[in-house]
Amino acid sequence: MSFGQGGPQWGPGGSGTPDWAALAEASEKRARRRKWLLIGGGALATAGIAAAVALAVVSANGDDASAANKPAGELPSSPEIPGASTAPAPSFEATTPPPPPDPKDYISSEKKDKAPLAAATFFPGTKLTSGDHVYKKGDTDDTKRCASVAQPVLGRVLTANDCTKLMRATYARDGIAVTVGVAVFDTEAQAARAKRQADEGLVTSLPGKGVGTFCRTAVCRGTYNAYGRYAYFTTTGFLNGKDVTTKDREAYAVGDDLARFAFHQIDRRGRAQASAAANNPE
């Protein structure tokens, strides 16, 4: 007889004595089978745990893994900070400083052109240096009777445009003399009109203080300009009484030097008053 599978086996001969060797072998086989089952099960369990841990690590570091695969220079987006305000930054109304005063404004109308004005201060010093040219300064004067110190044609233009003052100064170099005349008007429009109309006639030359008489009977060169409420003129001639012709380039150059000087004096006057207004605003 026999028991079920794995039960005791009766040996041959039917002696009724158990076959202990067979029983021991069967028991050993069963023990080996249980051992391998235990080892295999443990390995599978270990592999399952390792896989679960790996999945957890990848899941926990998902952003870093994505960042590692991004192109160089590209960063992962930052998460919103909990509680961070998304309200717009406060804004402030832009302020623009006022522009600086325009110097020409102060020499374009007698209402703003209030600095003292006289020939002695408008034509300062005892000489004038222009580049490498040095001019001796002669006499100066000023008058409210503008037409009295101009030839008849220019005198009428000055009167018609209400000239309020005419200042004169004479400069000389190398036998050439120039009288500069600066006529003052109330407005820029009057000065500009006088300049346009003054196509004939000269300011009367002013001798004195070492400069002889010139341009009384000889032909002389005249210039006519205006800036702001000022019109300025030059009368250029030879001290020896020779007529000035278009070939006398040196005489032309001397007259142009003094015309530029007059312009710069007018411009300097405007700048000085504008600077004072900027430093002492009302």
Protein backbone atom coordinates (compact mmCIF):
# COMPACT_ATOMS: atom_id res chain seq x y z
CA MET A 1 0.00 0.00 0.00
CA SER A 2 1.13 3.53 -0.26
CA PHE A 3 0.25 6.94 1.06
CA GLY A 4 -0.28 9.88 -1.23
CA GLN A 5 2.49 11.51 -3.13
CA GLY A 6 5.47 12.14 -0.92
CA GLY A 7 4.21 9.68 1.76
CA PRO A 8 6.25 6.71 3.18
CA GLN A 9 7.04 3.97 0.70
CA TRP A 10 7.09 0.34 1.66
CA GLY A 11 10.13 -1.46 0.50
CA PRO A 12 10.21 -4.51 -1.68
CA GLY A 13 9.43 -7.81 -0.17
CA GLY A 14 6.51 -6.45 1.73
CA SER A 15 8.29 -6.89 5.04
CA GLY A 16 6.31 -4.04 6.44
CA THR A 17 9.52 -2.25 7.45
CA PRO A 18 9.85 1.35 6.12
CA ASP A 19 12.61 2.02 3.59
CA TRP A 20 14.44 4.66 5.61
CA ALA A 21 16.89 5.47 2.86
CA ALA A 22 14.08 6.18 0.43
CA LEU A 23 12.31 8.18 3.04
CA ALA A 24 15.45 10.24 3.78
CA GLU A 25 16.05 10.85 0.06
CA ALA A 26 12.47 11.96 -0.41
CA SER A 27 12.72 14.22 2.63
CA GLU A 28 15.97 15.71 1.28
CA LYS A 29 14.36 16.38 -2.08
CA ARG A 30 11.44 18.09 -0.42
CA ALA A 31 13.87 20.20 1.67
CA ARG A 32 15.84 21.20 -1.42
CA ARG A 33 12.63 22.16 -3.24
CA ARG A 34 11.49 24.35 -0.34
CA LYS A 35 14.94 26.00 -0.20
CA TRP A 36 14.90 26.98 -3.88
CA LEU A 37 11.34 28.20 -3.59
CA LEU A 38 12.37 30.41 -0.67
CA ILE A 39 15.46 31.75 -2.53
CA GLY A 40 13.48 32.45 -5.71
CA GLY A 41 10.71 34.18 -3.83
CA GLY A 42 13.21 36.34 -1.95
CA ALA A 43 14.94 37.39 -5.17
CA LEU A 44 11.66 38.32 -6.76
CA ALA A 45 10.67 40.30 -3.70
CA THR A 46 14.04 42.13 -3.69
CA ALA A 47 13.72 42.97 -7.39
CA GLY A 48 10.20 44.28 -6.81
CA ILE A 49 11.34 46.50 -3.96
CA ALA A 50 14.28 47.87 -6.01
CA ALA A 51 11.97 48.64 -8.93
CA ALA A 52 9.53 50.42 -6.63
CA VAL A 53 12.34 52.50 -5.10
CA ALA A 54 13.66 53.40 -8.56
CA LEU A 55 10.22 54.48 -9.69
CA ALA A 56 9.83 56.59 -6.56
CA VAL A 57 13.23 58.26 -7.13
CA VAL A 58 12.45 59.05 -10.78
CA SER A 59 9.04 60.35 -9.82
CA ALA A 60 10.43 62.52 -7.01
CA ASN A 61 13.12 63.97 -9.32
CA GLY A 62 11.00 64.34 -12.42
CA ASP A 63 11.86 68.05 -12.88
CA ASP A 64 15.60 67.44 -12.60
CA ALA A 65 15.45 64.60 -15.08
CA SER A 66 13.61 66.83 -17.53
CA ALA A 67 16.13 69.62 -17.00
CA ALA A 68 19.00 67.23 -17.79
CA ASN A 69 17.46 66.54 -21.19
CA LYS A 70 16.88 70.20 -22.07
CA PRO A 71 19.21 71.99 -24.52
CA ALA A 72 22.15 73.89 -23.03
CA GLY A 73 21.11 77.30 -21.68
CA GLU A 74 17.43 76.35 -21.23
CA LEU A 75 16.24 76.20 -17.64
CA PRO A 76 13.17 74.47 -16.28
CA SER A 77 10.31 76.74 -15.42
CA SER A 78 10.19 77.81 -11.81
CA PRO A 79 7.11 76.87 -9.84
CA GLU A 80 4.94 79.63 -8.46
CA ILE A 81 5.92 80.63 -4.94
CA PRO A 82 2.97 79.99 -2.64
CA GLY A 83 1.44 83.22 -1.51
CA ALA A 84 3.49 85.38 -3.91
CA SER A 85 1.73 88.57 -4.98
CA THR A 86 0.98 89.00 -8.67
CA ALA A 87 -0.20 92.62 -8.29
CA PRO A 88 1.53 95.12 -10.65
CA ALA A 89 4.47 97.14 -9.32
CA PRO A 90 3.63 100.65 -8.16
CA SER A 91 3.99 103.28 -10.87
CA PHE A 92 5.07 106.89 -10.52
CA GLU A 93 4.23 109.78 -12.77
CA ALA A 94 7.24 110.68 -14.91
CA THR A 95 8.63 114.13 -14.28
CA THR A 96 10.57 116.07 -16.89
CA PRO A 97 12.78 118.97 -15.82
CA PRO A 98 12.01 122.23 -17.59
CA PRO A 99 14.28 123.02 -20.54
CA PRO A 100 17.05 125.55 -19.90
CA PRO A 101 16.29 129.14 -20.92
CA ASP A 102 17.01 129.98 -24.55
CA PRO A 103 19.68 132.73 -24.64
CA LYS A 104 18.13 134.27 -27.73
CA ASP A 105 14.89 134.87 -25.82
CA TYR A 106 16.77 137.38 -23.66
CA ILE A 107 18.06 139.45 -26.58
CA SER A 108 14.93 139.34 -28.74
CA SER A 109 12.72 141.69 -26.73
CA GLU A 110 13.39 144.65 -24.48
CA LYS A 111 10.93 143.11 -21.98
CA LYS A 112 13.47 140.41 -21.09
CA ASP A 113 16.74 142.08 -22.13
CA LYS A 114 17.29 144.04 -18.91
CA ALA A 115 21.06 143.93 -18.40
CA PRO A 116 22.89 147.29 -18.46
CA LEU A 117 23.82 148.33 -22.00
CA ALA A 118 26.47 150.88 -22.99
CA ALA A 119 29.26 151.12 -25.57
CA ALA A 120 31.98 151.07 -22.91
CA THR A 121 30.86 147.66 -21.59
CA PHE A 122 29.70 146.21 -24.91
CA PHE A 123 33.16 146.94 -26.39
CA PRO A 124 35.48 146.27 -23.42
CA GLY A 125 39.27 146.50 -23.13
CA THR A 126 41.89 148.37 -25.10
CA LYS A 127 42.41 145.83 -27.90
CA LEU A 128 40.75 142.93 -29.63
CA THR A 129 42.45 139.63 -30.47
CA SER A 130 40.95 137.52 -33.25
CA GLY A 131 43.02 134.43 -34.01
CA ASP A 132 46.54 135.74 -34.67
CA HIS A 133 45.27 139.25 -35.45
CA VAL A 134 45.42 141.97 -32.80
CA TYR A 135 43.36 145.14 -33.27
CA LYS A 136 43.95 148.38 -31.42
CA LYS A 137 40.78 149.79 -29.95
CA GLY A 138 40.04 153.46 -30.71
CA ASP A 139 37.15 155.55 -29.46
CA THR A 140 33.62 154.45 -28.40
CA ASP A 141 30.33 156.25 -28.06
CA ASP A 142 26.56 155.68 -27.91
CA THR A 143 23.51 157.80 -28.60
CA LYS A 144 19.75 157.58 -28.61
CA ARG A 145 19.63 159.69 -31.77
CA CYS A 146 20.55 156.80 -34.05
CA ALA A 147 20.21 158.66 -37.36
CA SER A 148 22.71 161.33 -36.23
CA VAL A 149 25.65 158.92 -36.50
CA ALA A 150 24.70 157.28 -39.82
CA GLN A 151 24.73 158.36 -43.45
CA PRO A 152 21.33 159.65 -44.64
CA VAL A 153 20.00 156.43 -46.24
CA LEU A 154 20.83 154.23 -43.26
CA GLY A 155 19.67 156.99 -40.88
CA ARG A 156 16.19 156.94 -42.38
CA VAL A 157 16.00 153.13 -42.03
CA LEU A 158 16.97 153.33 -38.36
CA THR A 159 14.38 156.03 -37.69
CA ALA A 160 11.60 154.20 -39.53
CA ASN A 161 12.15 151.10 -37.41
CA ASP A 162 12.32 153.00 -34.11
CA CYS A 163 15.97 152.51 -33.23
CA THR A 164 16.39 153.35 -29.50
CA LYS A 165 20.20 153.44 -29.24
CA LEU A 166 23.25 153.13 -31.48
CA MET A 167 26.63 152.18 -29.98
CA ARG A 168 29.90 152.58 -31.88
CA ALA A 169 33.53 151.51 -31.48
CA THR A 170 36.54 151.72 -33.82
CA TYR A 171 39.35 149.16 -34.25
CA ALA A 172 42.47 149.42 -36.43
CA ARG A 173 45.27 147.18 -37.72
CA ASP A 174 47.91 147.58 -40.44
CA GLY A 175 46.50 150.81 -41.88
CA ILE A 176 42.89 149.53 -42.01
CA ALA A 177 40.20 150.85 -39.66
CA VAL A 178 36.69 149.59 -38.91
CA THR A 179 33.86 151.31 -37.06
CA VAL A 180 31.33 148.84 -35.65
CA GLY A 181 27.81 150.17 -35.05
CA VAL A 182 25.22 148.23 -33.02
CA ALA A 183 21.66 149.55 -33.26
CA VAL A 184 19.15 148.57 -30.56
CA PHE A 185 15.40 148.06 -31.16
CA ASP A 186 12.51 146.99 -28.95
CA THR A 187 11.78 143.81 -30.91
CA GLU A 188 13.51 141.23 -33.07
CA ALA A 189 11.11 142.01 -35.95
CA GLN A 190 12.23 145.66 -36.04
CA ALA A 191 15.90 144.72 -36.14
CA ALA A 192 15.35 142.17 -38.90
CA ARG A 193 13.42 144.69 -40.96
CA ALA A 194 16.14 147.33 -40.54
CA LYS A 195 18.76 144.84 -41.71
CA ARG A 196 16.75 144.01 -44.86
CA GLN A 197 16.21 147.68 -45.70
CA ALA A 198 19.79 148.80 -45.02
CA ASP A 199 21.20 148.00 -48.46
CA GLU A 200 22.82 151.44 -48.78
CA GLY A 201 24.42 153.92 -46.44
CA LEU A 202 26.99 153.40 -43.70
CA VAL A 203 27.44 154.03 -40.01
CA THR A 204 29.57 157.16 -39.72
CA SER A 205 33.19 156.28 -38.98
CA LEU A 206 34.43 157.19 -35.48
CA PRO A 207 38.03 158.51 -35.22
CA GLY A 208 39.86 159.19 -31.98
CA LYS A 209 42.23 157.71 -29.41
CA GLY A 210 45.02 157.16 -31.87
CA VAL A 211 42.91 156.36 -34.92
CA GLY A 212 42.72 159.05 -37.60
CA THR A 213 39.77 160.11 -39.73
CA PHE A 214 38.71 157.64 -42.42
CA CYS A 215 35.79 156.89 -44.75
CA ARG A 216 34.61 160.48 -45.05
CA THR A 217 35.35 161.03 -48.72
CA ALA A 218 36.76 157.67 -49.88
CA VAL A 219 34.80 154.60 -50.95
CA CYS A 220 34.49 152.18 -48.01
CA ARG A 221 32.96 148.77 -47.50
CA GLY A 222 29.83 148.27 -45.38
CA THR A 223 28.15 145.15 -43.89
CA TYR A 224 24.61 144.77 -42.48
CA ASN A 225 23.41 142.02 -40.10
CA ALA A 226 20.89 141.43 -37.32
CA TYR A 227 20.54 139.08 -34.34
CA GLY A 228 17.78 139.24 -31.77
CA ARG A 229 16.68 142.86 -31.29
CA TYR A 230 20.06 144.14 -32.49
CA ALA A 231 21.17 145.18 -35.96
CA TYR A 232 24.93 145.55 -36.40
CA PHE A 233 26.90 147.26 -39.14
CA THR A 234 30.56 147.79 -40.09
CA THR A 235 32.29 150.58 -42.01
CA THR A 236 35.75 149.54 -43.23
CA GLY A 237 38.34 151.77 -44.94
CA PHE A 238 41.99 152.66 -45.32
CA LEU A 239 43.53 155.20 -42.99
CA ASN A 240 45.48 156.70 -45.92
CA GLY A 241 42.24 157.62 -47.71
CA LYS A 242 42.45 155.03 -50.49
CA ASP A 243 39.22 153.62 -51.87
CA VAL A 244 38.31 150.04 -50.92
CA THR A 245 37.78 147.79 -53.97
CA THR A 246 36.73 144.17 -54.36
CA LYS A 247 40.40 143.28 -54.80
CA ASP A 248 41.26 144.47 -51.28
CA ARG A 249 40.74 141.11 -49.62
CA GLU A 250 42.53 142.16 -46.45
CA ALA A 251 40.10 145.01 -45.91
CA TYR A 252 37.21 142.58 -46.37
CA ALA A 253 38.78 140.15 -43.88
CA VAL A 254 39.20 142.89 -41.27
CA GLY A 255 35.57 144.00 -41.66
CA ASP A 256 34.35 140.40 -41.35
CA ASP A 257 36.42 139.90 -38.18
CA LEU A 258 34.73 142.86 -36.52
CA ALA A 259 31.26 141.80 -37.68
CA ARG A 260 31.80 138.39 -36.05
CA PHE A 261 32.98 140.12 -32.90
CA ALA A 262 29.76 142.16 -32.74
CA PHE A 263 27.66 139.01 -33.19
CA HIS A 264 29.54 137.20 -30.40
CA GLN A 265 29.07 140.14 -28.05
CA ILE A 266 25.31 140.10 -28.64
CA ASP A 267 25.18 136.32 -28.22
CA ARG A 268 27.28 136.49 -25.04
CA ARG A 269 24.83 139.01 -23.62
CA GLY A 270 21.96 136.57 -24.18
CA ARG A 271 23.86 133.66 -22.64
CA ALA A 272 24.79 135.62 -19.56
CA GLN A 273 21.18 136.58 -18.87
CA ALA A 274 19.88 133.05 -19.55
CA SER A 275 22.47 131.61 -17.17
CA ALA A 276 21.50 134.07 -14.47
CA ALA A 277 17.82 133.17 -14.90
CA ALA A 278 18.58 129.43 -14.69
CA ASN A 279 20.59 129.86 -11.47
CA ASN A 280 18.01 132.16 -9.88
CA PRO A 281 14.56 130.94 -10.97
CA GLU A 282 11.66 133.06 -9.84
